[in-house]
Amino acid sequence: MNTVKFSAKTWGVVSRAVWFLGYSNGSESFVQAKQRATAAAHRLIRLAETHGSVMLVSHGFVNYFIGRALLANGWEGPSIPCWKYWGVGLYKF
C-alpha cells in the first residue's frame, strides 16, 4: 500500500483546508466551532456587563471567531488578534 508522505506543516495546512470545506470526520465542524465561539462571545458580554471586566484564555481560530463576534456587538479591539504564543487581544465596550 502506498501512503502519502507530507511534512507535519503540510498536513496541518491540508487538514485545516478540508475542515474549512466542511470535512470534520466526527469532530467539531468549522460551522460548529464558529457557533461555539459566538456563544462564548455572548457569554463574555454578559459577564462583562455583570462584573465590569472579564478575561478569556483561548487559542488560534477560536480567538479570531470570538473577536469577530465581539466586534459585531459593538466592542472595540483588533480585527485580527495576535497569533503568537502568549499573545494578547484587548477588547472593550
N, C-alpha and C. Protein backbone atom coordinates (compact mmCIF):
# COMPACT_ATOMS: atom_id res chain seq x y z
N MET A 1 0.84 -1.18 0.00
CA MET A 1 0.00 0.00 0.00
C MET A 1 0.89 1.24 0.00
N ASN A 2 0.64 2.13 -0.91
CA ASN A 2 1.37 3.39 -0.96
C ASN A 2 0.71 4.40 -0.03
N THR A 3 1.52 5.13 0.69
CA THR A 3 0.99 6.18 1.56
C THR A 3 1.52 7.53 1.11
N VAL A 4 0.73 8.54 1.41
CA VAL A 4 1.14 9.90 1.07
C VAL A 4 1.97 10.44 2.22
N LYS A 5 3.14 10.95 1.88
CA LYS A 5 4.03 11.48 2.91
C LYS A 5 4.18 12.99 2.72
N PHE A 6 3.79 13.71 3.77
CA PHE A 6 3.93 15.17 3.81
C PHE A 6 4.60 15.52 5.13
N SER A 7 5.14 16.72 5.19
CA SER A 7 5.66 17.22 6.46
C SER A 7 4.47 17.52 7.38
N ALA A 8 4.74 17.65 8.66
CA ALA A 8 3.68 17.96 9.62
C ALA A 8 3.02 19.30 9.28
N LYS A 9 3.81 20.27 8.85
CA LYS A 9 3.26 21.58 8.49
C LYS A 9 2.30 21.44 7.30
N THR A 10 2.69 20.66 6.30
CA THR A 10 1.82 20.46 5.13
C THR A 10 0.53 19.77 5.54
N TRP A 11 0.62 18.74 6.38
CA TRP A 11 -0.58 18.05 6.85
C TRP A 11 -1.48 19.03 7.62
N GLY A 12 -0.88 19.94 8.37
CA GLY A 12 -1.66 20.94 9.09
C GLY A 12 -2.44 21.84 8.16
N VAL A 13 -1.78 22.28 7.09
CA VAL A 13 -2.44 23.15 6.10
C VAL A 13 -3.56 22.38 5.39
N VAL A 14 -3.26 21.16 4.98
CA VAL A 14 -4.25 20.35 4.27
C VAL A 14 -5.46 20.06 5.17
N SER A 15 -5.19 19.65 6.40
CA SER A 15 -6.30 19.32 7.29
C SER A 15 -7.14 20.54 7.62
N ARG A 16 -6.52 21.70 7.79
CA ARG A 16 -7.28 22.93 8.04
C ARG A 16 -8.12 23.30 6.83
N ALA A 17 -7.56 23.15 5.63
CA ALA A 17 -8.29 23.48 4.40
C ALA A 17 -9.54 22.60 4.24
N VAL A 18 -9.39 21.30 4.45
CA VAL A 18 -10.57 20.44 4.30
C VAL A 18 -11.57 20.67 5.43
N TRP A 19 -11.10 21.09 6.60
CA TRP A 19 -12.00 21.45 7.70
C TRP A 19 -12.84 22.66 7.31
N PHE A 20 -12.19 23.68 6.69
CA PHE A 20 -12.93 24.86 6.21
C PHE A 20 -13.99 24.46 5.18
N LEU A 21 -13.68 23.45 4.40
CA LEU A 21 -14.61 23.00 3.36
C LEU A 21 -15.71 22.09 3.90
N GLY A 22 -15.68 21.77 5.19
CA GLY A 22 -16.78 21.02 5.78
C GLY A 22 -16.46 19.63 6.28
N TYR A 23 -15.27 19.13 6.04
CA TYR A 23 -14.92 17.78 6.50
C TYR A 23 -14.44 17.83 7.93
N SER A 24 -15.07 17.03 8.80
CA SER A 24 -14.64 17.00 10.20
C SER A 24 -14.56 15.59 10.77
N ASN A 25 -15.06 14.59 10.05
CA ASN A 25 -14.95 13.18 10.46
C ASN A 25 -15.33 12.94 11.92
N GLY A 26 -16.48 13.46 12.32
CA GLY A 26 -16.97 13.19 13.66
C GLY A 26 -16.48 14.15 14.73
N SER A 27 -15.54 15.02 14.41
CA SER A 27 -15.09 16.02 15.38
C SER A 27 -15.84 17.33 15.12
N GLU A 28 -15.55 18.35 15.90
CA GLU A 28 -16.24 19.62 15.75
C GLU A 28 -16.02 20.19 14.35
N SER A 29 -17.11 20.55 13.69
CA SER A 29 -17.00 21.12 12.35
C SER A 29 -16.65 22.60 12.42
N PHE A 30 -16.29 23.15 11.28
CA PHE A 30 -16.00 24.57 11.16
C PHE A 30 -17.21 25.39 11.60
N VAL A 31 -18.39 25.02 11.11
CA VAL A 31 -19.62 25.74 11.48
C VAL A 31 -19.87 25.65 12.98
N GLN A 32 -19.69 24.47 13.55
CA GLN A 32 -19.89 24.30 15.00
C GLN A 32 -18.88 25.12 15.79
N ALA A 33 -17.65 25.20 15.33
CA ALA A 33 -16.62 25.99 16.02
C ALA A 33 -17.00 27.46 16.02
N LYS A 34 -17.49 27.96 14.89
CA LYS A 34 -17.93 29.35 14.82
C LYS A 34 -19.12 29.59 15.75
N GLN A 35 -20.05 28.65 15.80
CA GLN A 35 -21.21 28.79 16.69
C GLN A 35 -20.77 28.78 18.15
N ARG A 36 -19.83 27.92 18.50
CA ARG A 36 -19.33 27.87 19.87
C ARG A 36 -18.63 29.16 20.26
N ALA A 37 -17.86 29.72 19.32
CA ALA A 37 -17.17 30.98 19.58
C ALA A 37 -18.16 32.13 19.74
N THR A 38 -19.20 32.15 18.93
CA THR A 38 -20.22 33.19 19.05
C THR A 38 -20.93 33.08 20.39
N ALA A 39 -21.26 31.87 20.80
CA ALA A 39 -21.89 31.66 22.12
C ALA A 39 -20.95 32.11 23.23
N ALA A 40 -19.66 31.83 23.09
CA ALA A 40 -18.67 32.25 24.10
C ALA A 40 -18.59 33.77 24.16
N ALA A 41 -18.64 34.43 23.01
CA ALA A 41 -18.59 35.89 22.98
C ALA A 41 -19.80 36.48 23.70
N HIS A 42 -20.97 35.91 23.47
CA HIS A 42 -22.18 36.41 24.15
C HIS A 42 -22.10 36.18 25.66
N ARG A 43 -21.51 35.07 26.05
CA ARG A 43 -21.32 34.82 27.49
C ARG A 43 -20.34 35.84 28.07
N LEU A 44 -19.25 36.13 27.35
CA LEU A 44 -18.30 37.13 27.82
C LEU A 44 -18.96 38.50 27.95
N ILE A 45 -19.81 38.84 27.00
CA ILE A 45 -20.52 40.12 27.06
C ILE A 45 -21.39 40.18 28.31
N ARG A 46 -22.14 39.13 28.57
CA ARG A 46 -23.00 39.10 29.78
C ARG A 46 -22.16 39.19 31.05
N LEU A 47 -21.05 38.47 31.09
CA LEU A 47 -20.19 38.51 32.27
C LEU A 47 -19.57 39.90 32.46
N ALA A 48 -19.17 40.53 31.37
CA ALA A 48 -18.60 41.88 31.45
C ALA A 48 -19.64 42.88 31.94
N GLU A 49 -20.88 42.72 31.50
CA GLU A 49 -21.95 43.60 31.96
C GLU A 49 -22.18 43.45 33.47
N THR A 50 -22.01 42.24 33.97
CA THR A 50 -22.22 41.96 35.39
C THR A 50 -21.02 42.36 36.24
N HIS A 51 -19.82 42.04 35.77
CA HIS A 51 -18.62 42.19 36.60
C HIS A 51 -17.70 43.34 36.18
N GLY A 52 -17.96 43.96 35.07
CA GLY A 52 -17.13 45.08 34.63
C GLY A 52 -16.00 44.68 33.70
N SER A 53 -15.39 43.56 33.94
CA SER A 53 -14.34 43.07 33.04
C SER A 53 -14.24 41.55 33.14
N VAL A 54 -13.73 40.96 32.10
CA VAL A 54 -13.54 39.50 32.06
C VAL A 54 -12.24 39.20 31.33
N MET A 55 -11.76 37.99 31.51
CA MET A 55 -10.58 37.55 30.79
C MET A 55 -10.85 36.16 30.23
N LEU A 56 -10.40 35.95 29.02
CA LEU A 56 -10.54 34.66 28.36
C LEU A 56 -9.18 34.18 27.92
N VAL A 57 -8.87 32.93 28.19
CA VAL A 57 -7.64 32.32 27.70
C VAL A 57 -8.07 31.27 26.68
N SER A 58 -7.63 31.45 25.46
CA SER A 58 -8.03 30.56 24.38
C SER A 58 -6.90 30.49 23.36
N HIS A 59 -7.23 30.08 22.13
CA HIS A 59 -6.17 29.93 21.12
C HIS A 59 -6.69 30.15 19.71
N GLY A 60 -5.79 30.47 18.83
CA GLY A 60 -5.95 30.49 17.39
C GLY A 60 -7.28 30.95 16.82
N PHE A 61 -7.90 30.07 16.06
CA PHE A 61 -9.12 30.42 15.37
C PHE A 61 -10.26 30.74 16.32
N VAL A 62 -10.28 30.13 17.48
CA VAL A 62 -11.33 30.44 18.46
C VAL A 62 -11.21 31.90 18.86
N ASN A 63 -10.00 32.37 19.12
CA ASN A 63 -9.80 33.79 19.44
C ASN A 63 -10.31 34.67 18.30
N TYR A 64 -9.99 34.29 17.08
CA TYR A 64 -10.42 35.07 15.92
C TYR A 64 -11.94 35.15 15.87
N PHE A 65 -12.62 34.02 16.00
CA PHE A 65 -14.07 34.00 15.91
C PHE A 65 -14.72 34.77 17.06
N ILE A 66 -14.18 34.62 18.26
CA ILE A 66 -14.72 35.36 19.40
C ILE A 66 -14.51 36.86 19.19
N GLY A 67 -13.34 37.23 18.73
CA GLY A 67 -13.06 38.64 18.45
C GLY A 67 -14.02 39.22 17.42
N ARG A 68 -14.28 38.47 16.36
CA ARG A 68 -15.21 38.93 15.32
C ARG A 68 -16.61 39.13 15.91
N ALA A 69 -17.04 38.20 16.77
CA ALA A 69 -18.36 38.32 17.38
C ALA A 69 -18.43 39.52 18.32
N LEU A 70 -17.36 39.78 19.07
CA LEU A 70 -17.34 40.95 19.95
C LEU A 70 -17.40 42.23 19.13
N LEU A 71 -16.64 42.31 18.05
CA LEU A 71 -16.66 43.48 17.19
C LEU A 71 -18.05 43.69 16.59
N ALA A 72 -18.71 42.61 16.20
CA ALA A 72 -20.05 42.70 15.62
C ALA A 72 -21.07 43.19 16.64
N ASN A 73 -20.74 43.06 17.94
CA ASN A 73 -21.64 43.50 19.01
C ASN A 73 -21.23 44.86 19.58
N GLY A 74 -20.44 45.60 18.82
CA GLY A 74 -20.11 46.97 19.20
C GLY A 74 -18.87 47.15 20.05
N TRP A 75 -18.12 46.10 20.28
CA TRP A 75 -16.89 46.21 21.04
C TRP A 75 -15.78 46.74 20.15
N GLU A 76 -14.75 47.27 20.76
CA GLU A 76 -13.57 47.74 20.03
C GLU A 76 -12.40 46.83 20.34
N GLY A 77 -11.57 46.59 19.34
CA GLY A 77 -10.40 45.76 19.52
C GLY A 77 -9.82 45.38 18.18
N PRO A 78 -8.79 44.57 18.17
CA PRO A 78 -8.14 44.22 16.91
C PRO A 78 -9.05 43.35 16.03
N SER A 79 -9.05 43.62 14.73
CA SER A 79 -9.86 42.79 13.83
C SER A 79 -9.25 41.40 13.67
N ILE A 80 -7.93 41.33 13.84
CA ILE A 80 -7.24 40.03 13.85
C ILE A 80 -6.39 39.99 15.12
N PRO A 81 -6.74 39.09 16.05
CA PRO A 81 -5.96 39.03 17.29
C PRO A 81 -4.55 38.50 17.07
N CYS A 82 -3.70 38.71 18.02
CA CYS A 82 -2.32 38.24 17.95
C CYS A 82 -2.28 36.72 17.83
N TRP A 83 -1.50 36.20 16.89
CA TRP A 83 -1.40 34.75 16.68
C TRP A 83 -0.19 34.14 17.38
N LYS A 84 0.64 34.97 18.01
CA LYS A 84 1.83 34.45 18.67
C LYS A 84 1.45 33.72 19.96
N TYR A 85 2.33 32.83 20.39
CA TYR A 85 2.14 32.19 21.69
C TYR A 85 2.11 33.27 22.75
N TRP A 86 1.19 33.14 23.66
CA TRP A 86 1.02 34.07 24.76
C TRP A 86 0.65 35.47 24.28
N GLY A 87 0.12 35.57 23.07
CA GLY A 87 -0.33 36.86 22.54
C GLY A 87 -1.58 37.34 23.29
N VAL A 88 -1.83 38.61 23.20
CA VAL A 88 -2.95 39.21 23.92
C VAL A 88 -3.79 40.03 22.94
N GLY A 89 -5.09 39.94 23.08
CA GLY A 89 -6.01 40.81 22.35
C GLY A 89 -6.91 41.47 23.37
N LEU A 90 -6.96 42.78 23.37
CA LEU A 90 -7.78 43.52 24.32
C LEU A 90 -9.00 44.08 23.60
N TYR A 91 -10.17 43.72 24.09
CA TYR A 91 -11.43 44.20 23.54
C TYR A 91 -12.16 44.94 24.65
N LYS A 92 -12.80 46.06 24.29
CA LYS A 92 -13.55 46.80 25.30
C LYS A 92 -14.80 47.38 24.68
N PHE A 93 -15.78 47.62 25.54
CA PHE A 93 -17.05 48.15 25.08
C PHE A 93 -17.14 49.61 25.44
